[in-house]
């Protein structure tokens, strides 16, 4: 469980919940949207524990290059099922499918 306050956690999870089906956002993009510029790692740490807070589409968040989360093989299948364009088995086509928030 994270040591962050629940307001911050739900603020980030609420932004993730807004990512449309078939689109992805980056950790940095979510950080910026929530007023936590330059805190992409914070977003990643919070998302790694998101299941404690409910069901959120965390699979739609990737790094700035489109790389999928290491150690989470289901992310690929979830994104493919939504029609997200993939460059390879570890990267989405970020130019094609990034959410324009």
PDB file of N, CA and C in Angstrom:
ATOM      1  N   UNK A   1       0.848  -1.180   0.000  1.00  0.00           N
ATOM      2  CA  UNK A   1       0.000   0.000   0.000  1.00  0.00           C
ATOM      3  C   UNK A   1       0.891   1.240   0.000  1.00  0.00           C
ATOM      4  N   UNK A   2       0.490   2.275  -0.690  1.00  0.00           N
ATOM      5  CA  UNK A   2       1.299   3.487  -0.781  1.00  0.00           C
ATOM      6  C   UNK A   2       1.143   4.345   0.458  1.00  0.00           C
ATOM      7  N   UNK A   3       2.075   5.282   0.613  1.00  0.00           N
ATOM      8  CA  UNK A   3       2.034   6.184   1.753  1.00  0.00           C
ATOM      9  C   UNK A   3       1.455   7.547   1.372  1.00  0.00           C
ATOM     10  N   UNK A   4       0.862   7.666   0.204  1.00  0.00           N
ATOM     11  CA  UNK A   4       0.318   8.936  -0.270  1.00  0.00           C
ATOM     12  C   UNK A   4      -1.078   9.159   0.296  1.00  0.00           C
ATOM     13  N   UNK A   5      -1.472  10.428   0.395  1.00  0.00           N
ATOM     14  CA  UNK A   5      -2.807  10.686   0.929  1.00  0.00           C
ATOM     15  C   UNK A   5      -3.859  10.285  -0.108  1.00  0.00           C
ATOM     16  N   UNK A   6      -5.007   9.918   0.397  1.00  0.00           N
ATOM     17  CA  UNK A   6      -6.057   9.380  -0.476  1.00  0.00           C
ATOM     18  C   UNK A   6      -6.585  10.414  -1.464  1.00  0.00           C
ATOM     19  N   UNK A   7      -6.564  11.687  -1.134  1.00  0.00           N
ATOM     20  CA  UNK A   7      -7.004  12.716  -2.088  1.00  0.00           C
ATOM     21  C   UNK A   7      -6.131  12.684  -3.332  1.00  0.00           C
ATOM     22  N   UNK A   8      -4.823  12.595  -3.150  1.00  0.00           N
ATOM     23  CA  UNK A   8      -3.883  12.531  -4.269  1.00  0.00           C
ATOM     24  C   UNK A   8      -4.114  11.257  -5.074  1.00  0.00           C
ATOM     25  N   UNK A   9      -4.286  10.162  -4.391  1.00  0.00           N
ATOM     26  CA  UNK A   9      -4.500   8.882  -5.071  1.00  0.00           C
ATOM     27  C   UNK A   9      -5.755   8.947  -5.937  1.00  0.00           C
ATOM     28  N   UNK A  10      -6.860   9.406  -5.372  1.00  0.00           N
ATOM     29  CA  UNK A  10      -8.109   9.457  -6.137  1.00  0.00           C
ATOM     30  C   UNK A  10      -8.071  10.515  -7.237  1.00  0.00           C
ATOM     31  N   UNK A  11      -7.293  11.565  -7.049  1.00  0.00           N
ATOM     32  CA  UNK A  11      -7.125  12.574  -8.111  1.00  0.00           C
ATOM     33  C   UNK A  11      -6.463  11.935  -9.329  1.00  0.00           C
ATOM     34  N   UNK A  12      -5.433  11.162  -9.099  1.00  0.00           N
ATOM     35  CA  UNK A  12      -4.723  10.495 -10.193  1.00  0.00           C
ATOM     36  C   UNK A  12      -5.605   9.403 -10.814  1.00  0.00           C
ATOM     37  N   UNK A  13      -6.257   8.617  -9.983  1.00  0.00           N
ATOM     38  CA  UNK A  13      -7.120   7.556 -10.507  1.00  0.00           C
ATOM     39  C   UNK A  13      -8.306   8.123 -11.279  1.00  0.00           C
ATOM     40  N   UNK A  14      -8.804   9.272 -10.874  1.00  0.00           N
ATOM     41  CA  UNK A  14      -9.907   9.919 -11.610  1.00  0.00           C
ATOM     42  C   UNK A  14      -9.455  10.339 -13.005  1.00  0.00           C
ATOM     43  N   UNK A  15      -8.227  10.831 -13.116  1.00  0.00           N
ATOM     44  CA  UNK A  15      -7.692  11.206 -14.432  1.00  0.00           C
ATOM     45  C   UNK A  15      -7.545   9.964 -15.305  1.00  0.00           C
ATOM     46  N   UNK A  16      -7.064   8.877 -14.732  1.00  0.00           N
ATOM     47  CA  UNK A  16      -6.906   7.625 -15.483  1.00  0.00           C
ATOM     48  C   UNK A  16      -8.263   7.129 -15.967  1.00  0.00           C
ATOM     49  N   UNK A  17      -9.266   7.292 -15.147  1.00  0.00           N
ATOM     50  CA  UNK A  17     -10.619   6.849 -15.491  1.00  0.00           C
ATOM     51  C   UNK A  17     -11.176   7.587 -16.712  1.00  0.00           C
ATOM     52  N   UNK A  18     -10.651   8.757 -17.012  1.00  0.00           N
ATOM     53  CA  UNK A  18     -11.112   9.566 -18.145  1.00  0.00           C
ATOM     54  C   UNK A  18     -10.508   9.149 -19.482  1.00  0.00           C
ATOM     55  N   UNK A  19      -9.462   8.322 -19.462  1.00  0.00           N
ATOM     56  CA  UNK A  19      -8.816   7.906 -20.711  1.00  0.00           C
ATOM     57  C   UNK A  19      -9.829   7.094 -21.511  1.00  0.00           C
ATOM     58  N   UNK A  20     -10.121   7.523 -22.738  1.00  0.00           N
ATOM     59  CA  UNK A  20     -11.131   6.815 -23.530  1.00  0.00           C
ATOM     60  C   UNK A  20     -10.705   5.397 -23.934  1.00  0.00           C
ATOM     61  N   UNK A  21     -11.682   4.553 -24.121  1.00  0.00           N
ATOM     62  CA  UNK A  21     -11.492   3.205 -24.643  1.00  0.00           C
ATOM     63  C   UNK A  21     -10.714   3.298 -25.950  1.00  0.00           C
ATOM     64  N   UNK A  22      -9.686   2.480 -26.094  1.00  0.00           N
ATOM     65  CA  UNK A  22      -8.901   2.455 -27.325  1.00  0.00           C
ATOM     66  C   UNK A  22      -7.818   3.516 -27.399  1.00  0.00           C
ATOM     67  N   UNK A  23      -7.617   4.270 -26.333  1.00  0.00           N
ATOM     68  CA  UNK A  23      -6.568   5.294 -26.279  1.00  0.00           C
ATOM     69  C   UNK A  23      -5.656   5.006 -25.101  1.00  0.00           C
ATOM     70  N   UNK A  24      -4.477   5.617 -25.111  1.00  0.00           N
ATOM     71  CA  UNK A  24      -3.547   5.506 -23.987  1.00  0.00           C
ATOM     72  C   UNK A  24      -3.078   6.899 -23.592  1.00  0.00           C
ATOM     73  N   UNK A  25      -2.593   6.996 -22.371  1.00  0.00           N
ATOM     74  CA  UNK A  25      -1.964   8.217 -21.871  1.00  0.00           C
ATOM     75  C   UNK A  25      -0.622   7.812 -21.272  1.00  0.00           C
ATOM     76  N   UNK A  26       0.265   8.768 -21.123  1.00  0.00           N
ATOM     77  CA  UNK A  26       1.551   8.475 -20.502  1.00  0.00           C
ATOM     78  C   UNK A  26       1.493   8.841 -19.024  1.00  0.00           C
ATOM     79  N   UNK A  27       2.431   8.276 -18.275  1.00  0.00           N
ATOM     80  CA  UNK A  27       2.526   8.610 -16.854  1.00  0.00           C
ATOM     81  C   UNK A  27       2.731  10.118 -16.687  1.00  0.00           C
ATOM     82  N   UNK A  28       3.582  10.694 -17.529  1.00  0.00           N
ATOM     83  CA  UNK A  28       3.834  12.129 -17.471  1.00  0.00           C
ATOM     84  C   UNK A  28       2.612  12.955 -17.810  1.00  0.00           C
ATOM     85  N   UNK A  29       1.835  12.487 -18.745  1.00  0.00           N
ATOM     86  CA  UNK A  29       0.609  13.174 -19.132  1.00  0.00           C
ATOM     87  C   UNK A  29      -0.377  13.207 -17.962  1.00  0.00           C
ATOM     88  N   UNK A  30      -0.522  12.090 -17.265  1.00  0.00           N
ATOM     89  CA  UNK A  30      -1.413  12.041 -16.103  1.00  0.00           C
ATOM     90  C   UNK A  30      -0.873  12.945 -14.998  1.00  0.00           C
ATOM     91  N   UNK A  31       0.429  12.937 -14.800  1.00  0.00           N
ATOM     92  CA  UNK A  31       1.034  13.812 -13.792  1.00  0.00           C
ATOM     93  C   UNK A  31       0.725  15.284 -14.104  1.00  0.00           C
ATOM     94  N   UNK A  32       0.892  15.652 -15.359  1.00  0.00           N
ATOM     95  CA  UNK A  32       0.637  17.039 -15.757  1.00  0.00           C
ATOM     96  C   UNK A  32      -0.844  17.399 -15.619  1.00  0.00           C
ATOM     97  N   UNK A  33      -1.722  16.501 -16.035  1.00  0.00           N
ATOM     98  CA  UNK A  33      -3.167  16.752 -15.938  1.00  0.00           C
ATOM     99  C   UNK A  33      -3.633  16.978 -14.502  1.00  0.00           C
ATOM    100  N   UNK A  34      -2.938  16.362 -13.560  1.00  0.00           N
ATOM    101  CA  UNK A  34      -3.337  16.476 -12.157  1.00  0.00           C
ATOM    102  C   UNK A  34      -2.524  17.516 -11.396  1.00  0.00           C
ATOM    103  N   UNK A  35      -1.733  18.301 -12.122  1.00  0.00           N
ATOM    104  CA  UNK A  35      -0.971  19.369 -11.480  1.00  0.00           C
ATOM    105  C   UNK A  35       0.284  18.898 -10.768  1.00  0.00           C
ATOM    106  N   UNK A  36       0.777  17.745 -11.144  1.00  0.00           N
ATOM    107  CA  UNK A  36       1.977  17.193 -10.521  1.00  0.00           C
ATOM    108  C   UNK A  36       3.059  17.011 -11.578  1.00  0.00           C
ATOM    109  N   UNK A  37       3.278  18.076 -12.352  1.00  0.00           N
ATOM    110  CA  UNK A  37       4.275  18.037 -13.423  1.00  0.00           C
ATOM    111  C   UNK A  37       5.582  17.435 -12.916  1.00  0.00           C
ATOM    112  N   UNK A  38       6.215  16.697 -13.805  1.00  0.00           N
ATOM    113  CA  UNK A  38       7.517  16.100 -13.514  1.00  0.00           C
ATOM    114  C   UNK A  38       7.459  15.033 -12.420  1.00  0.00           C
ATOM    115  N   UNK A  39       6.284  14.474 -12.191  1.00  0.00           N
ATOM    116  CA  UNK A  39       6.133  13.414 -11.196  1.00  0.00           C
ATOM    117  C   UNK A  39       5.539  12.150 -11.804  1.00  0.00           C
ATOM    118  N   UNK A  40       6.025  11.792 -12.975  1.00  0.00           N
ATOM    119  CA  UNK A  40       5.524  10.600 -13.658  1.00  0.00           C
ATOM    120  C   UNK A  40       5.741   9.347 -12.820  1.00  0.00           C
ATOM    121  N   UNK A  41       6.847   9.278 -12.103  1.00  0.00           N
ATOM    122  CA  UNK A  41       7.118   8.096 -11.275  1.00  0.00           C
ATOM    123  C   UNK A  41       6.108   7.974 -10.138  1.00  0.00           C
ATOM    124  N   UNK A  42       5.683   9.105  -9.611  1.00  0.00           N
ATOM    125  CA  UNK A  42       4.642   9.116  -8.582  1.00  0.00           C
ATOM    126  C   UNK A  42       3.373   8.470  -9.129  1.00  0.00           C
ATOM    127  N   UNK A  43       3.012   8.842 -10.352  1.00  0.00           N
ATOM    128  CA  UNK A  43       1.825   8.261 -10.994  1.00  0.00           C
ATOM    129  C   UNK A  43       1.997   6.748 -11.115  1.00  0.00           C
ATOM    130  N   UNK A  44       3.148   6.312 -11.563  1.00  0.00           N
ATOM    131  CA  UNK A  44       3.402   4.880 -11.696  1.00  0.00           C
ATOM    132  C   UNK A  44       3.290   4.136 -10.384  1.00  0.00           C
ATOM    133  N   UNK A  45       3.830   4.712  -9.322  1.00  0.00           N
ATOM    134  CA  UNK A  45       3.749   4.056  -8.012  1.00  0.00           C
ATOM    135  C   UNK A  45       2.302   3.955  -7.536  1.00  0.00           C
ATOM    136  N   UNK A  46       1.547   5.018  -7.752  1.00  0.00           N
ATOM    137  CA  UNK A  46       0.141   4.991  -7.342  1.00  0.00           C
ATOM    138  C   UNK A  46      -0.642   3.964  -8.166  1.00  0.00           C
ATOM    139  N   UNK A  47      -0.398   3.935  -9.468  1.00  0.00           N
ATOM    140  CA  UNK A  47      -1.123   2.984 -10.314  1.00  0.00           C
ATOM    141  C   UNK A  47      -0.765   1.535  -9.990  1.00  0.00           C
ATOM    142  N   UNK A  48       0.430   1.305  -9.505  1.00  0.00           N
ATOM    143  CA  UNK A  48       0.809  -0.072  -9.163  1.00  0.00           C
ATOM    144  C   UNK A  48      -0.007  -0.613  -7.995  1.00  0.00           C
ATOM    145  N   UNK A  49      -0.652   0.274  -7.248  1.00  0.00           N
ATOM    146  CA  UNK A  49      -1.491  -0.133  -6.118  1.00  0.00           C
ATOM    147  C   UNK A  49      -2.961   0.214  -6.329  1.00  0.00           C
ATOM    148  N   UNK A  50      -3.340   0.535  -7.540  1.00  0.00           N
ATOM    149  CA  UNK A  50      -4.704   0.998  -7.824  1.00  0.00           C
ATOM    150  C   UNK A  50      -5.771  -0.014  -7.463  1.00  0.00           C
ATOM    151  N   UNK A  51      -5.463  -1.274  -7.521  1.00  0.00           N
ATOM    152  CA  UNK A  51      -6.475  -2.302  -7.237  1.00  0.00           C
ATOM    153  C   UNK A  51      -7.005  -2.211  -5.808  1.00  0.00           C
ATOM    154  N   UNK A  52      -6.267  -1.591  -4.909  1.00  0.00           N
ATOM    155  CA  UNK A  52      -6.741  -1.385  -3.539  1.00  0.00           C
ATOM    156  C   UNK A  52      -7.902  -0.397  -3.481  1.00  0.00           C
ATOM    157  N   UNK A  53      -8.049   0.416  -4.531  1.00  0.00           N
ATOM    158  CA  UNK A  53      -9.025   1.509  -4.515  1.00  0.00           C
ATOM    159  C   UNK A  53     -10.207   1.303  -5.457  1.00  0.00           C
ATOM    160  N   UNK A  54     -10.200   0.244  -6.215  1.00  0.00           N
ATOM    161  CA  UNK A  54     -11.295  -0.007  -7.138  1.00  0.00           C
ATOM    162  C   UNK A  54     -10.784  -0.504  -8.470  1.00  0.00           C
ATOM    163  N   UNK A  55     -11.660  -0.465  -9.452  1.00  0.00           N
ATOM    164  CA  UNK A  55     -11.348  -0.967 -10.785  1.00  0.00           C
ATOM    165  C   UNK A  55     -11.146   0.213 -11.730  1.00  0.00           C
ATOM    166  N   UNK A  56      -9.898   0.467 -12.092  1.00  0.00           N
ATOM    167  CA  UNK A  56      -9.553   1.594 -12.962  1.00  0.00           C
ATOM    168  C   UNK A  56      -8.820   1.063 -14.192  1.00  0.00           C
ATOM    169  N   UNK A  57      -8.934   1.752 -15.331  1.00  0.00           N
ATOM    170  CA  UNK A  57      -8.288   1.278 -16.562  1.00  0.00           C
ATOM    171  C   UNK A  57      -6.796   1.627 -16.620  1.00  0.00           C
ATOM    172  N   UNK A  58      -6.056   1.167 -15.626  1.00  0.00           N
ATOM    173  CA  UNK A  58      -4.626   1.472 -15.539  1.00  0.00           C
ATOM    174  C   UNK A  58      -3.831   0.897 -16.707  1.00  0.00           C
ATOM    175  N   UNK A  59      -4.404  -0.103 -17.381  1.00  0.00           N
ATOM    176  CA  UNK A  59      -3.729  -0.692 -18.536  1.00  0.00           C
ATOM    177  C   UNK A  59      -3.572   0.325 -19.664  1.00  0.00           C
ATOM    178  N   UNK A  60      -4.302   1.422 -19.609  1.00  0.00           N
ATOM    179  CA  UNK A  60      -4.233   2.451 -20.653  1.00  0.00           C
ATOM    180  C   UNK A  60      -3.118   3.467 -20.409  1.00  0.00           C
ATOM    181  N   UNK A  61      -2.283   3.244 -19.407  1.00  0.00           N
ATOM    182  CA  UNK A  61      -1.182   4.164 -19.110  1.00  0.00           C
ATOM    183  C   UNK A  61       0.141   3.473 -19.434  1.00  0.00           C
ATOM    184  N   UNK A  62       0.958   4.164 -20.226  1.00  0.00           N
ATOM    185  CA  UNK A  62       2.250   3.647 -20.682  1.00  0.00           C
ATOM    186  C   UNK A  62       3.315   4.717 -20.467  1.00  0.00           C
ATOM    187  N   UNK A  63       4.573   4.371 -20.695  1.00  0.00           N
ATOM    188  CA  UNK A  63       5.598   5.396 -20.545  1.00  0.00           C
ATOM    189  C   UNK A  63       5.662   6.286 -21.789  1.00  0.00           C
ATOM    190  N   UNK A  64       6.512   7.284 -21.764  1.00  0.00           N
ATOM    191  CA  UNK A  64       6.556   8.300 -22.831  1.00  0.00           C
ATOM    192  C   UNK A  64       6.871   7.728 -24.209  1.00  0.00           C
ATOM    193  N   UNK A  65       7.524   6.574 -24.253  1.00  0.00           N
ATOM    194  CA  UNK A  65       7.849   5.961 -25.540  1.00  0.00           C
ATOM    195  C   UNK A  65       6.799   4.942 -25.972  1.00  0.00           C
ATOM    196  N   UNK A  66       5.765   4.758 -25.143  1.00  0.00           N
ATOM    197  CA  UNK A  66       4.729   3.788 -25.456  1.00  0.00           C
ATOM    198  C   UNK A  66       4.983   2.411 -24.877  1.00  0.00           C
ATOM    199  N   UNK A  67       6.043   2.286 -24.076  1.00  0.00           N
ATOM    200  CA  UNK A  67       6.392   0.987 -23.500  1.00  0.00           C
ATOM    201  C   UNK A  67       5.368   0.562 -22.448  1.00  0.00           C
ATOM    202  N   UNK A  68       5.032  -0.709 -22.494  1.00  0.00           N
ATOM    203  CA  UNK A  68       4.105  -1.284 -21.523  1.00  0.00           C
ATOM    204  C   UNK A  68       4.810  -1.473 -20.182  1.00  0.00           C
ATOM    205  N   UNK A  69       4.017  -1.620 -19.131  1.00  0.00           N
ATOM    206  CA  UNK A  69       4.572  -1.813 -17.786  1.00  0.00           C
ATOM    207  C   UNK A  69       5.293  -3.156 -17.714  1.00  0.00           C
ATOM    208  N   UNK A  70       6.533  -3.164 -17.242  1.00  0.00           N
ATOM    209  CA  UNK A  70       7.250  -4.434 -17.120  1.00  0.00           C
ATOM    210  C   UNK A  70       6.581  -5.326 -16.075  1.00  0.00           C
ATOM    211  N   UNK A  71       6.559  -6.611 -16.342  1.00  0.00           N
ATOM    212  CA  UNK A  71       5.992  -7.555 -15.392  1.00  0.00           C
ATOM    213  C   UNK A  71       4.478  -7.632 -15.374  1.00  0.00           C
ATOM    214  N   UNK A  72       3.831  -7.050 -16.375  1.00  0.00           N
ATOM    215  CA  UNK A  72       2.364  -7.084 -16.449  1.00  0.00           C
ATOM    216  C   UNK A  72       1.965  -7.529 -17.857  1.00  0.00           C
ATOM    217  N   UNK A  73       2.096  -8.819 -18.164  1.00  0.00           N
ATOM    218  CA  UNK A  73       1.823  -9.310 -19.520  1.00  0.00           C
ATOM    219  C   UNK A  73       0.372  -9.130 -19.958  1.00  0.00           C
ATOM    220  N   UNK A  74      -0.560  -9.064 -19.013  1.00  0.00           N
ATOM    221  CA  UNK A  74      -1.978  -8.884 -19.358  1.00  0.00           C
ATOM    222  C   UNK A  74      -2.257  -7.529 -19.997  1.00  0.00           C
ATOM    223  N   UNK A  75      -1.395  -6.550 -19.749  1.00  0.00           N
ATOM    224  CA  UNK A  75      -1.608  -5.205 -20.302  1.00  0.00           C
ATOM    225  C   UNK A  75      -1.677  -5.262 -21.826  1.00  0.00           C
ATOM    226  N   UNK A  76      -0.814  -6.025 -22.436  1.00  0.00           N
ATOM    227  CA  UNK A  76      -0.803  -6.163 -23.889  1.00  0.00           C
ATOM    228  C   UNK A  76      -2.156  -6.668 -24.393  1.00  0.00           C
ATOM    229  N   UNK A  77      -2.654  -7.732 -23.785  1.00  0.00           N
ATOM    230  CA  UNK A  77      -3.929  -8.324 -24.211  1.00  0.00           C
ATOM    231  C   UNK A  77      -5.096  -7.358 -24.010  1.00  0.00           C
ATOM    232  N   UNK A  78      -5.098  -6.641 -22.892  1.00  0.00           N
ATOM    233  CA  UNK A  78      -6.169  -5.671 -22.625  1.00  0.00           C
ATOM    234  C   UNK A  78      -6.181  -4.560 -23.673  1.00  0.00           C
ATOM    235  N   UNK A  79      -5.007  -4.061 -24.021  1.00  0.00           N
ATOM    236  CA  UNK A  79      -4.923  -2.982 -25.021  1.00  0.00           C
ATOM    237  C   UNK A  79      -5.274  -3.489 -26.418  1.00  0.00           C
ATOM    238  N   UNK A  80      -4.792  -4.661 -26.771  1.00  0.00           N
ATOM    239  CA  UNK A  80      -5.129  -5.235 -28.080  1.00  0.00           C
ATOM    240  C   UNK A  80      -6.639  -5.438 -28.205  1.00  0.00           C
ATOM    241  N   UNK A  81      -7.287  -5.880 -27.132  1.00  0.00           N
ATOM    242  CA  UNK A  81      -8.732  -6.093 -27.141  1.00  0.00           C
ATOM    243  C   UNK A  81      -9.493  -4.795 -27.377  1.00  0.00           C
ATOM    244  N   UNK A  82      -8.871  -3.658 -27.029  1.00  0.00           N
ATOM    245  CA  UNK A  82      -9.495  -2.349 -27.254  1.00  0.00           C
ATOM    246  C   UNK A  82      -9.137  -1.775 -28.626  1.00  0.00           C
ATOM    247  N   UNK A  83      -8.327  -2.487 -29.379  1.00  0.00           N
ATOM    248  CA  UNK A  83      -7.954  -2.021 -30.709  1.00  0.00           C
ATOM    249  C   UNK A  83      -6.791  -1.047 -30.727  1.00  0.00           C
ATOM    250  N   UNK A  84      -6.032  -0.989 -29.649  1.00  0.00           N
ATOM    251  CA  UNK A  84      -4.873  -0.092 -29.585  1.00  0.00           C
ATOM    252  C   UNK A  84      -3.787  -0.625 -30.522  1.00  0.00           C
ATOM    253  N   UNK A  85      -3.240   0.260 -31.355  1.00  0.00           N
ATOM    254  CA  UNK A  85      -2.178  -0.113 -32.292  1.00  0.00           C
ATOM    255  C   UNK A  85      -0.878  -0.366 -31.539  1.00  0.00           C
ATOM    256  N   UNK A  86      -0.244  -1.487 -31.869  1.00  0.00           N
ATOM    257  CA  UNK A  86       1.003  -1.867 -31.217  1.00  0.00           C
ATOM    258  C   UNK A  86       2.153  -1.784 -32.213  1.00  0.00           C
ATOM    259  N   UNK A  87       3.304  -1.322 -31.744  1.00  0.00           N
ATOM    260  CA  UNK A  87       4.519  -1.329 -32.561  1.00  0.00           C
ATOM    261  C   UNK A  87       5.158  -2.713 -32.504  1.00  0.00           C
ATOM    262  N   UNK A  88       5.149  -3.283 -31.309  1.00  0.00           N
ATOM    263  CA  UNK A  88       5.686  -4.625 -31.078  1.00  0.00           C
ATOM    264  C   UNK A  88       5.055  -5.155 -29.800  1.00  0.00           C
ATOM    265  N   UNK A  89       5.569  -6.225 -29.255  1.00  0.00           N
ATOM    266  CA  UNK A  89       4.988  -6.831 -28.072  1.00  0.00           C
ATOM    267  C   UNK A  89       5.145  -6.044 -26.791  1.00  0.00           C
ATOM    268  N   UNK A  90       5.954  -4.982 -26.826  1.00  0.00           N
ATOM    269  CA  UNK A  90       6.204  -4.195 -25.621  1.00  0.00           C
ATOM    270  C   UNK A  90       5.866  -2.717 -25.754  1.00  0.00           C
ATOM    271  N   UNK A  91       5.440  -2.282 -26.935  1.00  0.00           N
ATOM    272  CA  UNK A  91       5.195  -0.850 -27.159  1.00  0.00           C
ATOM    273  C   UNK A  91       3.909  -0.614 -27.946  1.00  0.00           C
ATOM    274  N   UNK A  92       3.138   0.373 -27.488  1.00  0.00           N
ATOM    275  CA  UNK A  92       2.006   0.825 -28.283  1.00  0.00           C
ATOM    276  C   UNK A  92       2.517   1.838 -29.295  1.00  0.00           C
ATOM    277  N   UNK A  93       1.736   2.075 -30.330  1.00  0.00           N
ATOM    278  CA  UNK A  93       2.057   3.124 -31.292  1.00  0.00           C
ATOM    279  C   UNK A  93       1.528   4.432 -30.698  1.00  0.00           C
ATOM    280  N   UNK A  94       2.366   5.091 -29.927  1.00  0.00           N
ATOM    281  CA  UNK A  94       1.959   6.264 -29.156  1.00  0.00           C
ATOM    282  C   UNK A  94       1.453   7.391 -30.053  1.00  0.00           C
ATOM    283  N   UNK A  95       2.034   7.542 -31.247  1.00  0.00           N
ATOM    284  CA  UNK A  95       1.571   8.598 -32.153  1.00  0.00           C
ATOM    285  C   UNK A  95       0.162   8.336 -32.659  1.00  0.00           C
ATOM    286  N   UNK A  96      -0.173   7.078 -32.781  1.00  0.00           N
ATOM    287  CA  UNK A  96      -1.479   6.672 -33.307  1.00  0.00           C
ATOM    288  C   UNK A  96      -2.579   6.684 -32.254  1.00  0.00           C
ATOM    289  N   UNK A  97      -2.247   6.347 -31.019  1.00  0.00           N
ATOM    290  CA  UNK A  97      -3.314   6.089 -30.048  1.00  0.00           C
ATOM    291  C   UNK A  97      -3.252   6.904 -28.763  1.00  0.00           C
ATOM    292  N   UNK A  98      -2.404   7.947 -28.713  1.00  0.00           N
ATOM    293  CA  UNK A  98      -2.350   8.735 -27.490  1.00  0.00           C
ATOM    294  C   UNK A  98      -3.582   9.596 -27.327  1.00  0.00           C
ATOM    295  N   UNK A  99      -4.121   9.631 -26.138  1.00  0.00           N
ATOM    296  CA  UNK A  99      -5.257  10.441 -25.765  1.00  0.00           C
ATOM    297  C   UNK A  99      -4.854  11.911 -25.809  1.00  0.00           C
ATOM    298  N   UNK A 100      -5.634  12.695 -26.504  1.00  0.00           N
ATOM    299  CA  UNK A 100      -5.399  14.144 -26.597  1.00  0.00           C
ATOM    300  C   UNK A 100      -6.257  14.831 -25.559  1.00  0.00           C
ATOM    301  N   UNK A 101      -5.785  14.834 -24.324  1.00  0.00           N
ATOM    302  CA  UNK A 101      -6.565  15.444 -23.228  1.00  0.00           C
ATOM    303  C   UNK A 101      -6.362  16.939 -23.161  1.00  0.00           C
TER     304      UNK A 101
END
